[in-house]
Protein backbone atom coordinates (compact mmCIF):
# COMPACT_ATOMS: atom_id res chain seq x y z
CA MET A 1 -0.04 0.01 -0.12
CA LYS A 2 2.79 2.58 0.88
CA ARG A 3 4.33 1.86 -2.74
CA LEU A 4 1.10 2.75 -4.28
CA ASN A 5 0.65 6.05 -2.20
CA PHE A 6 4.17 6.75 -3.05
CA ALA A 7 4.24 6.48 -6.85
CA ARG A 8 0.78 8.20 -6.99
CA THR A 9 2.70 11.02 -5.17
CA ALA A 10 5.75 11.12 -7.46
CA ALA A 11 3.11 10.87 -10.35
CA ALA A 12 1.47 14.01 -9.25
CA ALA A 13 4.66 15.88 -8.31
CA GLY A 14 5.91 14.78 -11.69
CA VAL A 15 3.00 16.51 -13.46
CA LEU A 16 3.21 19.54 -11.32
CA LEU A 17 6.86 20.17 -12.18
CA GLY A 18 6.05 19.58 -15.63
CA LEU A 19 3.15 22.34 -15.34
CA MET A 20 5.49 24.56 -13.81
CA GLY A 21 8.18 24.36 -16.67
CA CYS A 22 5.46 25.02 -19.09
CA SER A 23 5.01 28.30 -17.69
CA HIS A 24 8.32 29.38 -17.87
CA HIS A 25 8.63 27.80 -21.01
CA GLY A 26 5.30 27.82 -22.60
CA ALA A 27 2.73 30.28 -23.80
CA ASN A 28 0.97 33.05 -21.57
CA VAL A 29 -2.57 33.49 -23.11
CA GLY A 30 -3.37 37.60 -22.74
CA ALA A 31 -5.70 39.21 -25.08
CA GLY A 32 -6.06 35.90 -27.49
CA VAL A 33 -2.66 36.10 -28.51
CA SER A 34 -0.18 33.14 -26.94
CA TYR A 35 3.39 34.35 -26.34
CA ILE A 36 6.51 31.99 -26.02
CA ASP A 37 9.48 32.82 -24.28
CA ARG A 38 12.10 31.90 -26.67
CA GLY A 39 11.99 32.12 -30.31
CA PRO A 40 11.77 29.45 -33.16
CA PRO A 41 14.61 27.77 -34.72
CA ARG A 42 15.80 28.64 -38.31
CA ASN A 43 13.67 27.71 -40.71
CA ARG A 44 14.55 24.37 -42.59
CA VAL A 45 15.28 24.57 -46.26
CA GLU A 46 12.98 22.52 -48.28
CA ILE A 47 13.41 21.19 -51.66
CA ARG A 48 9.98 20.82 -53.46
CA GLY A 49 9.51 19.33 -56.79
CA PRO A 50 6.98 20.60 -59.33
CA ALA A 51 3.55 21.17 -58.54
CA PRO A 52 1.30 18.26 -58.63
CA GLY A 53 -1.20 20.08 -61.03
CA SER A 54 -2.20 23.27 -62.53
CA GLY A 55 -3.66 25.85 -59.92
CA MET A 56 -1.29 24.63 -56.66
CA THR A 57 0.62 26.72 -55.11
CA TRP A 58 3.31 25.90 -52.37
CA LEU A 59 2.58 26.37 -48.63
CA PRO A 60 6.27 26.57 -47.02
CA GLY A 61 6.87 24.70 -43.78
CA TYR A 62 7.29 26.40 -40.53
CA TYR A 63 8.05 25.76 -36.94
CA ARG A 64 4.59 25.35 -34.19
CA TRP A 65 4.69 25.79 -30.76
CA ALA A 66 4.18 22.03 -29.50
CA GLY A 67 4.04 22.85 -25.76
CA ASN A 68 7.54 22.50 -24.25
CA GLY A 69 9.45 23.28 -27.52
CA TYR A 70 9.29 24.02 -31.33
CA ALA A 71 8.19 21.15 -33.83
CA TRP A 72 8.58 21.41 -37.89
CA VAL A 73 5.56 21.09 -39.89
CA PRO A 74 6.59 20.45 -43.78
CA GLY A 75 5.52 22.42 -46.64
CA ARG A 76 2.80 21.26 -49.03
CA TRP A 77 1.29 21.62 -52.07
CA GLU A 78 -2.43 23.04 -51.93
CA SER A 79 -5.19 24.04 -54.43
CA VAL A 80 -5.16 27.78 -54.61
CA SER A 81 -8.30 28.99 -52.74
CA GLN A 82 -11.01 30.35 -54.60
CA GLY A 83 -11.19 33.69 -55.53
CA HIS A 84 -7.52 34.26 -54.24
CA ARG A 85 -3.92 34.39 -55.99
CA SER A 86 -1.40 33.88 -53.74
CA TRP A 87 -0.60 32.59 -50.08
CA SER A 88 0.67 35.01 -47.46
CA PRO A 89 2.77 32.55 -45.18
CA GLY A 90 2.70 32.83 -41.48
CA ARG A 91 5.15 34.04 -39.08
CA TRP A 92 6.69 34.53 -35.79
CA ARG A 93 6.70 37.93 -34.70
CA HIS A 94 8.53 39.46 -31.11
CA THR A 95 7.09 41.89 -28.84
CA ARG A 96 8.28 42.51 -25.56
CA GLN A 97 5.80 39.68 -24.32
CA GLY A 98 7.57 37.42 -26.24
CA TRP A 99 7.22 35.74 -29.76
CA TYR A 100 4.00 34.82 -31.22
CA TRP A 101 2.37 33.34 -34.32
CA VAL A 102 0.93 35.18 -37.14
CA GLU A 103 -1.38 32.65 -39.48
CA GLY A 104 -0.46 32.48 -42.91
CA ARG A 105 -3.36 33.39 -45.22
CA TRP A 106 -4.90 33.64 -48.87
CA ARG A 107 -4.78 36.94 -50.64
């Protein structure tokens, strides 16, 4: 019985420490924007082949925040959204509050 209680206590402590770590390196939510206290790595160089069809555009890869670090999202070909001409890629911006992601959009 003592081992079971110790295991539960240790697990709870691990979760608590993990949450504390997230508050330090994680995102702070304010006014609908999530801020990260460290910037993303440099973008990877992606090699892309020819478009798989007409009306396709390349959406470049980017780093997304994964809760405890950045994760690479590879680029992809996508059909041009109806009524639009081009894709404006998302980007990381920096302010005094930290780093935040600006979503890409069709123009």
